[in-house]
Amino acid sequence: MGWGCDVRIGRYYTRKVDLMNDSDLTAFQASQLQYLRSQVDRAQDDSLRSDPHPNAQNKLFYAREELRTFTSNLRVAGKNI
């Protein structure tokens, strides 16, 4: 069992995180990360077209936000990305 510490999440909440040597991503996490990055790339390409879909900026925002949340959670868990 590794050492644990409290990690602040938000303003008032903390969560116990295990600080074992978990710097490597699992196969699922790596594929999820690759998928989310490709979603951001695709949404960005769509938003930069000469005739973008009216909803293209919203899709780009949500794709970036989902990627940001996913990577942030991995970093809190001790993953090194």
Protein backbone atom coordinates (compact mmCIF):
# COMPACT_ATOMS: atom_id res chain seq x y z
CA MET A 1 0.00 0.00 0.00
CA GLY A 2 1.39 3.41 -0.95
CA TRP A 3 1.43 6.65 0.94
CA GLY A 4 -1.72 8.74 0.85
CA CYS A 5 -2.38 12.44 0.99
CA ASP A 6 -5.32 14.81 0.90
CA VAL A 7 -5.89 16.58 -2.40
CA ARG A 8 -8.01 19.71 -2.53
CA ILE A 9 -10.85 19.45 -5.03
CA GLY A 10 -12.67 22.66 -5.55
CA ARG A 11 -12.81 25.12 -2.71
CA TYR A 12 -13.77 23.08 0.33
CA TYR A 13 -13.63 19.39 -0.49
CA THR A 14 -10.61 17.16 -0.16
CA ARG A 15 -10.13 13.60 -1.27
CA LYS A 16 -7.67 10.96 -0.13
CA VAL A 17 -5.36 10.00 -2.99
CA ASP A 18 -3.03 7.03 -2.99
CA LEU A 19 0.44 8.11 -4.07
CA MET A 20 1.70 4.79 -5.35
CA ASN A 21 3.90 4.80 -8.39
CA ASP A 22 1.07 4.99 -10.93
CA SER A 23 2.69 7.17 -13.55
CA ASP A 24 1.85 4.77 -16.40
CA LEU A 25 -1.57 4.89 -18.02
CA THR A 26 -3.66 1.76 -18.37
CA ALA A 27 -4.57 0.64 -21.87
CA PHE A 28 -8.11 1.99 -21.40
CA GLN A 29 -6.89 5.37 -20.17
CA ALA A 30 -4.43 5.67 -23.07
CA SER A 31 -7.11 4.87 -25.63
CA GLN A 32 -9.56 7.26 -23.96
CA LEU A 33 -6.92 10.02 -24.03
CA GLN A 34 -6.20 9.36 -27.71
CA TYR A 35 -9.92 9.46 -28.50
CA LEU A 36 -10.50 12.74 -26.64
CA ARG A 37 -7.51 14.36 -28.35
CA SER A 38 -8.81 13.30 -31.75
CA GLN A 39 -12.24 14.73 -30.86
CA VAL A 40 -10.61 18.09 -30.06
CA ASP A 41 -8.62 17.99 -33.31
CA ARG A 42 -11.72 17.18 -35.35
CA ALA A 43 -13.82 19.87 -33.64
CA GLN A 44 -11.07 22.43 -34.16
CA ASP A 45 -10.80 21.56 -37.86
CA ASP A 46 -14.56 21.88 -38.20
CA SER A 47 -14.62 25.25 -36.45
CA LEU A 48 -11.86 26.65 -38.67
CA ARG A 49 -13.52 25.73 -41.97
CA SER A 50 -14.52 28.54 -44.28
CA ASP A 51 -18.18 27.59 -43.78
CA PRO A 52 -18.36 26.20 -40.21
CA HIS A 53 -21.49 24.67 -38.80
CA PRO A 54 -23.28 27.13 -36.47
CA ASN A 55 -22.69 24.77 -33.56
CA ALA A 56 -18.97 24.20 -34.30
CA GLN A 57 -17.64 26.52 -31.59
CA ASN A 58 -19.84 24.86 -28.97
CA LYS A 59 -18.62 21.40 -29.97
CA LEU A 60 -15.02 22.60 -29.78
CA PHE A 61 -15.59 24.09 -26.33
CA TYR A 62 -17.14 20.89 -24.96
CA ALA A 63 -14.48 18.67 -26.53
CA ARG A 64 -11.71 20.78 -24.96
CA GLU A 65 -13.49 20.83 -21.62
CA GLU A 66 -13.92 17.04 -21.60
CA LEU A 67 -10.23 16.55 -22.44
CA ARG A 68 -9.20 19.06 -19.77
CA THR A 69 -11.33 17.34 -17.13
CA PHE A 70 -10.04 13.89 -18.05
CA THR A 71 -6.38 14.91 -17.95
CA SER A 72 -6.89 16.86 -14.73
CA ASN A 73 -8.39 13.81 -13.04
CA LEU A 74 -5.50 11.65 -14.23
CA ARG A 75 -2.97 14.13 -12.84
CA VAL A 76 -4.77 14.19 -9.49
CA ALA A 77 -4.52 10.39 -9.47
CA GLY A 78 -0.76 10.66 -9.96
CA LYS A 79 -0.53 9.94 -13.66
CA ASN A 80 2.24 11.75 -15.49
CA ILE A 81 0.92 13.00 -18.82
